């Protein structure tokens, strides 16, 4: 009898522990649903684009902060997740742009506390720097609609497994980064080894899947972007690049939205908006 009683007690404890874990998970999920996402922009012409379309499709509330325009950084604890987009500055230009120091501190504190993070281009570089990795100017700019390849870890990742093994994505950057300690490399390219990584619930992408030709045309008016493009492609570089982006735009945007939806559902813990179906008339 004592053995059976002990077994029943152990079973009850396991059930209680499982219930407690589910309750904690549900509490975190409810908190995530209740709090808005934080979107950090570093130039007006680099919004989340297709990622923002996905946020709106899911009916997710978010707060946009244009850090480069002097808008104050909020308390990261008030947000369910953080999205950080690109910009023409370097993640290491703290002496020129003092707000970079504060933003990297916010990212470090949030990510190490388990807040989901999604960083693109400058956003991935800020993530790497906030985790103590070196961010630096590469040997040459990587500009074009170019192949990216998943690593074995990327192919097995719950988010990046939504991508094909090889795909084409817009690249428009001159800086790169070292893989932070404890991070998992998810993708690489022929020009730069570090194209994407994951650290706990934080994801960073060097490449752009979210951008269409119309938005890229706005980028062509940014002096830093125009200079790198002209140096590589000459005066006809922008029309040629926009043509390539337009050719791949439908596929790229679809991949962006599928990838981001996987992050929203599997990492942030959100449920997509349910649209009520009309009843019979």
Protein backbone atom coordinates (compact mmCIF):
# COMPACT_ATOMS: atom_id res chain seq x y z
CA UNK A 1 0.00 0.00 0.00
CA UNK A 2 2.78 2.41 0.86
CA UNK A 3 4.28 1.90 -2.60
CA UNK A 4 0.94 2.60 -4.31
CA UNK A 5 0.35 5.66 -2.14
CA UNK A 6 3.81 6.92 -2.96
CA UNK A 7 3.19 6.37 -6.66
CA UNK A 8 -0.14 8.23 -6.51
CA UNK A 9 1.53 11.08 -4.66
CA UNK A 10 4.28 11.24 -7.26
CA UNK A 11 1.64 11.20 -10.03
CA UNK A 12 -0.26 14.06 -8.37
CA UNK A 13 2.94 16.05 -8.03
CA UNK A 14 3.74 15.53 -11.71
CA UNK A 15 0.23 16.61 -12.68
CA UNK A 16 0.49 19.64 -10.39
CA UNK A 17 3.87 20.57 -11.85
CA UNK A 18 2.56 20.22 -15.40
CA UNK A 19 -0.48 22.36 -14.51
CA UNK A 20 1.79 24.99 -12.97
CA UNK A 21 3.95 25.04 -16.09
CA UNK A 22 0.88 25.38 -18.32
CA UNK A 23 -0.47 28.15 -16.12
CA UNK A 24 2.84 30.01 -16.29
CA UNK A 25 2.94 29.56 -20.07
CA UNK A 26 -0.64 30.79 -20.40
CA UNK A 27 0.13 33.78 -18.17
CA UNK A 28 3.10 34.69 -20.35
CA UNK A 29 0.95 34.24 -23.45
CA UNK A 30 -1.80 36.49 -22.07
CA UNK A 31 0.82 39.09 -21.13
CA UNK A 32 2.26 38.92 -24.63
CA UNK A 33 -1.17 39.38 -26.20
CA UNK A 34 -2.01 42.29 -23.89
CA UNK A 35 1.21 44.28 -24.46
CA UNK A 36 2.03 46.01 -27.76
CA UNK A 37 5.17 45.28 -29.76
CA UNK A 38 7.89 47.93 -29.95
CA UNK A 39 9.18 48.90 -33.41
CA UNK A 40 12.51 50.76 -33.50
CA UNK A 41 13.22 52.68 -36.72
CA UNK A 42 16.46 54.45 -37.59
CA UNK A 43 15.38 56.28 -40.74
CA UNK A 44 11.89 57.05 -42.03
CA UNK A 45 12.32 55.07 -45.27
CA UNK A 46 13.13 51.81 -43.44
CA UNK A 47 9.85 50.74 -41.85
CA UNK A 48 9.11 47.05 -41.23
CA UNK A 49 7.40 46.96 -44.67
CA UNK A 50 6.08 43.39 -45.26
CA UNK A 51 6.66 42.59 -41.59
CA UNK A 52 4.40 45.49 -40.68
CA UNK A 53 1.79 44.17 -43.12
CA UNK A 54 1.90 40.88 -41.21
CA UNK A 55 1.49 42.69 -37.87
CA UNK A 56 -1.59 44.43 -39.20
CA UNK A 57 -2.96 41.19 -40.65
CA UNK A 58 -2.65 39.59 -37.20
CA UNK A 59 -4.24 42.69 -35.65
CA UNK A 60 -1.20 43.16 -33.39
CA UNK A 61 -0.81 46.49 -31.62
CA UNK A 62 2.61 48.10 -31.89
CA UNK A 63 4.36 51.31 -30.93
CA UNK A 64 6.72 52.89 -33.46
CA UNK A 65 9.72 54.91 -32.21
CA UNK A 66 11.95 56.80 -34.69
CA UNK A 67 15.13 56.76 -32.67
CA UNK A 68 17.17 58.80 -35.16
CA UNK A 69 14.59 61.60 -34.96
CA UNK A 70 15.15 61.97 -31.22
CA UNK A 71 12.04 60.15 -30.05
CA UNK A 72 12.65 58.78 -26.55
CA UNK A 73 13.14 55.09 -25.97
CA UNK A 74 10.29 53.59 -23.88
CA UNK A 75 10.54 51.07 -21.06
CA UNK A 76 11.08 47.73 -22.84
CA UNK A 77 9.19 45.95 -20.03
CA UNK A 78 5.96 47.45 -21.38
CA UNK A 79 6.27 45.55 -24.66
CA UNK A 80 5.70 41.93 -25.66
CA UNK A 81 8.50 41.93 -28.25
CA UNK A 82 10.85 44.25 -30.13
CA UNK A 83 11.42 44.76 -33.86
CA UNK A 84 14.51 46.79 -34.87
CA UNK A 85 14.94 47.84 -38.49
CA UNK A 86 17.82 49.16 -40.61
CA UNK A 87 19.48 52.51 -41.12
CA UNK A 88 22.50 54.18 -42.75
CA UNK A 89 24.53 54.50 -39.54
CA UNK A 90 26.96 52.01 -38.04
CA UNK A 91 26.15 50.19 -34.81
CA UNK A 92 29.56 51.37 -33.51
CA UNK A 93 29.07 55.13 -34.12
CA UNK A 94 28.25 55.97 -30.50
CA UNK A 95 30.46 59.06 -30.41
CA UNK A 96 28.57 60.58 -33.34
CA UNK A 97 25.14 59.29 -32.31
CA UNK A 98 24.76 59.09 -28.55
CA UNK A 99 21.36 57.40 -28.76
CA UNK A 100 23.05 54.23 -30.06
CA UNK A 101 24.46 53.53 -26.60
CA UNK A 102 21.04 53.77 -24.97
CA UNK A 103 19.40 51.66 -27.66
CA UNK A 104 21.99 48.89 -27.38
CA UNK A 105 21.53 48.90 -23.60
CA UNK A 106 17.75 48.54 -24.07
CA UNK A 107 18.25 45.65 -26.51
CA UNK A 108 20.74 43.89 -24.23
CA UNK A 109 18.51 44.20 -21.16
CA UNK A 110 15.39 43.07 -23.01
CA UNK A 111 16.96 40.16 -24.87
CA UNK A 112 18.80 38.81 -21.83
CA UNK A 113 15.51 39.00 -19.94
CA UNK A 114 13.84 36.78 -22.54
CA UNK A 115 11.92 39.36 -24.59
CA UNK A 116 11.51 38.18 -28.20
CA UNK A 117 13.48 40.32 -30.66
CA UNK A 118 13.53 40.64 -34.47
CA UNK A 119 16.39 42.68 -35.97
CA UNK A 120 16.98 43.45 -39.65
CA UNK A 121 20.22 44.82 -41.20
CA UNK A 122 21.30 47.50 -38.71
CA UNK A 123 18.92 45.74 -36.34
CA UNK A 124 20.95 42.51 -36.41
CA UNK A 125 24.16 44.49 -35.99
CA UNK A 126 22.73 46.27 -32.94
CA UNK A 127 21.69 42.89 -31.56
CA UNK A 128 25.20 41.48 -32.07
CA UNK A 129 26.82 44.54 -30.49
CA UNK A 130 24.41 44.48 -27.54
CA UNK A 131 25.46 40.88 -26.88
CA UNK A 132 29.15 41.83 -26.82
CA UNK A 133 30.14 40.87 -30.39
CA UNK A 134 32.23 43.04 -32.69
CA UNK A 135 30.47 44.98 -35.46
CA UNK A 136 32.74 46.43 -38.13
CA UNK A 137 33.01 47.66 -41.72
CA UNK A 138 33.42 44.80 -44.17
CA UNK A 139 35.97 44.61 -46.95
CA UNK A 140 33.34 45.57 -49.52
CA UNK A 141 29.65 46.37 -49.69
CA UNK A 142 27.19 43.58 -50.44
CA UNK A 143 24.48 45.04 -52.67
CA UNK A 144 22.04 43.21 -54.90
CA UNK A 145 19.42 40.49 -54.95
CA UNK A 146 21.77 37.68 -54.01
CA UNK A 147 21.72 34.06 -52.81
CA UNK A 148 21.52 33.27 -49.09
CA UNK A 149 21.92 29.76 -47.71
CA UNK A 150 20.64 28.25 -44.48
CA UNK A 151 23.00 26.49 -42.12
CA UNK A 152 22.05 23.07 -40.74
CA UNK A 153 20.87 24.83 -37.59
CA UNK A 154 18.81 27.25 -39.68
CA UNK A 155 17.09 24.41 -41.52
CA UNK A 156 16.14 22.86 -38.16
CA UNK A 157 15.11 26.13 -36.49
CA UNK A 158 11.39 26.52 -35.65
CA UNK A 159 11.29 29.88 -37.47
CA UNK A 160 13.92 29.68 -40.23
CA UNK A 161 12.76 26.21 -41.29
CA UNK A 162 9.99 28.12 -43.11
CA UNK A 163 12.61 29.22 -45.66
CA UNK A 164 14.02 27.10 -48.49
CA UNK A 165 17.62 25.90 -48.18
CA UNK A 166 18.71 28.54 -50.71
CA UNK A 167 16.82 31.71 -51.57
CA UNK A 168 17.51 35.16 -52.97
CA UNK A 169 17.23 38.28 -50.84
CA UNK A 170 18.02 41.96 -51.14
CA UNK A 171 21.40 42.89 -49.65
CA UNK A 172 22.38 46.52 -49.16
CA UNK A 173 25.04 46.82 -46.46
CA UNK A 174 28.73 47.43 -45.90
CA UNK A 175 29.05 46.46 -42.23
CA UNK A 176 29.11 42.99 -40.75
CA UNK A 177 29.50 41.36 -37.34
CA UNK A 178 30.97 38.45 -35.45
CA UNK A 179 28.67 35.77 -34.06
CA UNK A 180 27.93 36.56 -30.39
CA UNK A 181 28.86 34.04 -27.71
CA UNK A 182 26.01 31.61 -27.17
CA UNK A 183 24.33 32.45 -30.49
CA UNK A 184 23.39 29.97 -33.22
CA UNK A 185 24.24 30.83 -36.83
CA UNK A 186 21.21 30.39 -39.10
CA UNK A 187 22.32 31.61 -42.54
CA UNK A 188 25.35 32.66 -44.61
CA UNK A 189 26.13 34.09 -48.05
CA UNK A 190 29.06 33.94 -50.41
CA UNK A 191 30.14 37.46 -49.50
CA UNK A 192 29.58 37.40 -45.72
CA UNK A 193 29.57 34.42 -43.40
CA UNK A 194 27.19 35.99 -40.89
CA UNK A 195 23.75 36.50 -42.39
CA UNK A 196 21.41 35.48 -39.56
CA UNK A 197 21.55 34.15 -36.03
CA UNK A 198 19.41 33.30 -33.01
CA UNK A 199 20.15 34.02 -29.37
CA UNK A 200 17.49 32.57 -27.09
CA UNK A 201 14.29 34.36 -28.30
CA UNK A 202 16.17 36.97 -30.36
CA UNK A 203 16.52 36.66 -34.14
CA UNK A 204 18.67 38.82 -36.40
CA UNK A 205 18.78 38.98 -40.21
CA UNK A 206 21.37 40.86 -42.29
CA UNK A 207 19.31 40.58 -45.49
CA UNK A 208 15.99 42.10 -46.56
CA UNK A 209 13.06 39.93 -47.59
CA UNK A 210 10.49 42.53 -46.62
CA UNK A 211 11.34 45.24 -49.16
CA UNK A 212 9.69 45.84 -52.54
CA UNK A 213 10.87 47.95 -55.45
CA UNK A 214 8.89 51.06 -54.46
CA UNK A 215 10.48 51.22 -51.01
CA UNK A 216 13.93 50.41 -52.40
CA UNK A 217 13.57 53.38 -54.76
CA UNK A 218 13.28 55.60 -51.67
CA UNK A 219 16.48 54.07 -50.33
CA UNK A 220 18.21 55.15 -53.51
CA UNK A 221 17.75 58.77 -52.41
CA UNK A 222 19.67 58.20 -49.13
CA UNK A 223 23.25 59.46 -49.74
CA UNK A 224 24.99 56.61 -47.90
CA UNK A 225 22.99 53.96 -49.76
CA UNK A 226 23.34 55.69 -53.13
CA UNK A 227 27.10 55.97 -52.66
CA UNK A 228 27.60 52.27 -51.97
CA UNK A 229 25.41 51.34 -54.92
CA UNK A 230 27.17 53.73 -57.29
CA UNK A 231 30.59 52.44 -56.23
CA UNK A 232 29.58 48.88 -57.10
CA UNK A 233 27.22 49.29 -60.04
CA UNK A 234 27.93 52.71 -61.56
CA UNK A 235 25.35 55.32 -62.44
CA UNK A 236 22.90 52.73 -63.80
CA UNK A 237 23.07 50.69 -60.62
CA UNK A 238 19.76 51.82 -59.13
CA UNK A 239 17.51 51.05 -62.13
CA UNK A 240 19.19 47.64 -62.51
CA UNK A 241 18.75 46.85 -58.83
CA UNK A 242 15.12 47.98 -58.78
CA UNK A 243 14.43 45.74 -61.77
CA UNK A 244 15.91 42.75 -59.93
CA UNK A 245 13.94 43.55 -56.77
CA UNK A 246 10.73 43.85 -58.75
CA UNK A 247 11.38 40.51 -60.46
CA UNK A 248 11.74 38.70 -57.10
CA UNK A 249 9.39 40.89 -55.04
CA UNK A 250 6.36 38.60 -54.94
CA UNK A 251 8.37 35.58 -53.80
CA UNK A 252 10.50 37.61 -51.37
CA UNK A 253 7.57 39.32 -49.65
CA UNK A 254 5.76 35.99 -49.32
CA UNK A 255 8.83 34.49 -47.63
CA UNK A 256 9.13 37.53 -45.36
CA UNK A 257 5.57 37.24 -44.16
CA UNK A 258 5.77 33.47 -43.66
CA UNK A 259 9.02 33.79 -41.72
CA UNK A 260 7.75 36.64 -39.55
CA UNK A 261 4.44 34.86 -38.92
CA UNK A 262 6.40 31.86 -37.61
CA UNK A 263 8.28 34.16 -35.22
CA UNK A 264 5.07 35.83 -34.04
CA UNK A 265 3.37 32.50 -33.41
CA UNK A 266 6.19 30.24 -32.24
CA UNK A 267 8.42 32.70 -30.38
CA UNK A 268 6.29 35.67 -29.34
CA UNK A 269 3.37 33.34 -28.63
CA UNK A 270 0.64 35.28 -30.41
CA UNK A 271 -2.40 33.80 -32.10
CA UNK A 272 -3.46 35.14 -35.51
CA UNK A 273 -6.58 37.24 -35.72
CA UNK A 274 -9.75 35.22 -36.19
CA UNK A 275 -12.05 36.76 -38.77
CA UNK A 276 -15.72 36.06 -38.13
CA UNK A 277 -17.44 34.44 -41.07
CA UNK A 278 -20.78 35.93 -42.14
CA UNK A 279 -23.80 33.88 -41.19
CA UNK A 280 -26.51 32.68 -43.56
CA UNK A 281 -28.82 35.31 -44.94
